[in-house]
Amino acid sequence: MVTNTLLLKLKDRSDENIAKAKDLLLSMEGRIEYLRKVKVEVDIRHGASSYELLLITEFAAMEDFDAYLVHPVHIEVAGYIGELVASGAAVCYEA
């Protein structure tokens, strides 16, 4: 199994914008056959160095992750999210 985690720091750190971004990310669930699991966690600390969102996605294999990256639904969501994000960090690993 392959897990990809993505930390997102938003340009607008308001609760409304965080909720919008979370909903957009979760909208991929059930729409991409390669995506086994999608989970979004919201930061509760709100520190200056905090990221607002943690996206956790799981795939059966690396090939599925690669297919997810170019899937039209992911491309659409990533485009919207890209407009909201100031910075991000990712870790992809096998479990």
Protein backbone atom coordinates (compact mmCIF):
# COMPACT_ATOMS: atom_id res chain seq x y z
CA MET A 1 0.00 0.00 0.00
CA VAL A 2 1.17 3.53 -0.80
CA THR A 3 0.22 6.47 1.41
CA ASN A 4 0.69 10.06 0.31
CA THR A 5 0.43 12.89 2.82
CA LEU A 6 0.20 16.54 1.88
CA LEU A 7 0.44 19.48 4.26
CA LEU A 8 -1.26 22.65 3.01
CA LYS A 9 -0.72 26.20 4.27
CA LEU A 10 -3.47 28.43 2.94
CA LYS A 11 -3.19 32.04 1.83
CA ASP A 12 -6.44 32.86 3.63
CA ARG A 13 -6.40 31.04 7.00
CA SER A 14 -10.03 31.81 7.86
CA ASP A 15 -12.30 29.02 9.10
CA GLU A 16 -14.51 29.49 6.03
CA ASN A 17 -11.60 29.07 3.61
CA ILE A 18 -10.27 26.04 5.50
CA ALA A 19 -13.71 24.41 5.33
CA LYS A 20 -13.94 25.16 1.59
CA ALA A 21 -10.54 23.58 0.93
CA LYS A 22 -11.40 20.54 3.04
CA ASP A 23 -14.67 20.02 1.16
CA LEU A 24 -12.88 20.32 -2.19
CA LEU A 25 -10.33 17.69 -1.20
CA LEU A 26 -12.97 15.32 0.14
CA SER A 27 -14.97 15.72 -3.08
CA MET A 28 -12.52 13.28 -4.72
CA GLU A 29 -13.84 10.40 -2.61
CA GLY A 30 -15.62 7.82 -4.73
CA ARG A 31 -14.81 9.64 -7.97
CA ILE A 32 -11.30 8.27 -8.64
CA GLU A 33 -11.10 4.49 -8.91
CA TYR A 34 -7.44 4.38 -7.87
CA LEU A 35 -8.03 6.28 -4.63
CA ARG A 36 -8.64 3.74 -1.85
CA LYS A 37 -8.93 6.27 0.97
CA VAL A 38 -8.99 10.02 1.37
CA LYS A 39 -8.90 11.78 4.72
CA VAL A 40 -8.49 15.47 5.58
CA GLU A 41 -7.49 16.70 9.02
CA VAL A 42 -7.67 20.34 10.17
CA ASP A 43 -5.00 21.89 12.40
CA ILE A 44 -6.23 22.84 15.86
CA ARG A 45 -3.08 24.67 16.99
CA HIS A 46 -3.16 27.61 14.56
CA GLY A 47 0.49 28.52 15.19
CA ALA A 48 2.52 30.69 12.86
CA SER A 49 4.38 27.63 11.54
CA SER A 50 1.26 25.44 11.33
CA TYR A 51 -0.24 24.11 8.15
CA GLU A 52 -4.03 24.33 8.07
CA LEU A 53 -4.76 20.98 6.40
CA LEU A 54 -3.34 17.48 6.20
CA LEU A 55 -4.49 15.41 3.22
CA ILE A 56 -3.95 11.65 3.55
CA THR A 57 -4.55 9.48 0.49
CA GLU A 58 -4.01 5.74 0.12
CA PHE A 59 -3.44 3.60 -2.97
CA ALA A 60 -2.92 -0.11 -3.65
CA ALA A 61 0.35 0.50 -5.51
CA MET A 62 2.62 3.26 -6.81
CA GLU A 63 1.13 2.81 -10.28
CA ASP A 64 -2.28 3.72 -8.85
CA PHE A 65 -0.83 6.84 -7.24
CA ASP A 66 0.71 7.83 -10.59
CA ALA A 67 -2.67 7.28 -12.32
CA TYR A 68 -4.40 9.37 -9.64
CA LEU A 69 -2.05 12.29 -10.27
CA VAL A 70 -3.21 12.60 -13.90
CA HIS A 71 -6.87 11.68 -13.33
CA PRO A 72 -9.22 14.48 -14.52
CA VAL A 73 -10.96 14.76 -11.13
CA HIS A 74 -7.63 15.17 -9.33
CA ILE A 75 -6.45 17.70 -11.91
CA GLU A 76 -9.63 19.74 -11.41
CA VAL A 77 -9.43 19.66 -7.60
CA ALA A 78 -5.69 20.40 -7.63
CA GLY A 79 -6.34 23.45 -9.81
CA TYR A 80 -8.82 24.90 -7.33
CA ILE A 81 -6.66 24.03 -4.33
CA GLY A 82 -3.61 25.53 -6.01
CA GLU A 83 -5.33 28.91 -5.99
CA LEU A 84 -5.87 28.68 -2.21
CA VAL A 85 -2.46 27.37 -1.13
CA ALA A 86 0.50 29.48 -0.06
CA SER A 87 2.81 26.49 0.45
CA GLY A 88 2.79 22.75 0.93
CA ALA A 89 4.90 19.75 1.85
CA ALA A 90 4.47 16.10 0.93
CA VAL A 91 5.63 12.67 2.07
CA CYS A 92 4.83 9.54 0.07
CA TYR A 93 5.64 6.14 1.57
CA GLU A 94 4.95 2.43 1.37
CA ALA A 95 3.28 0.74 4.31
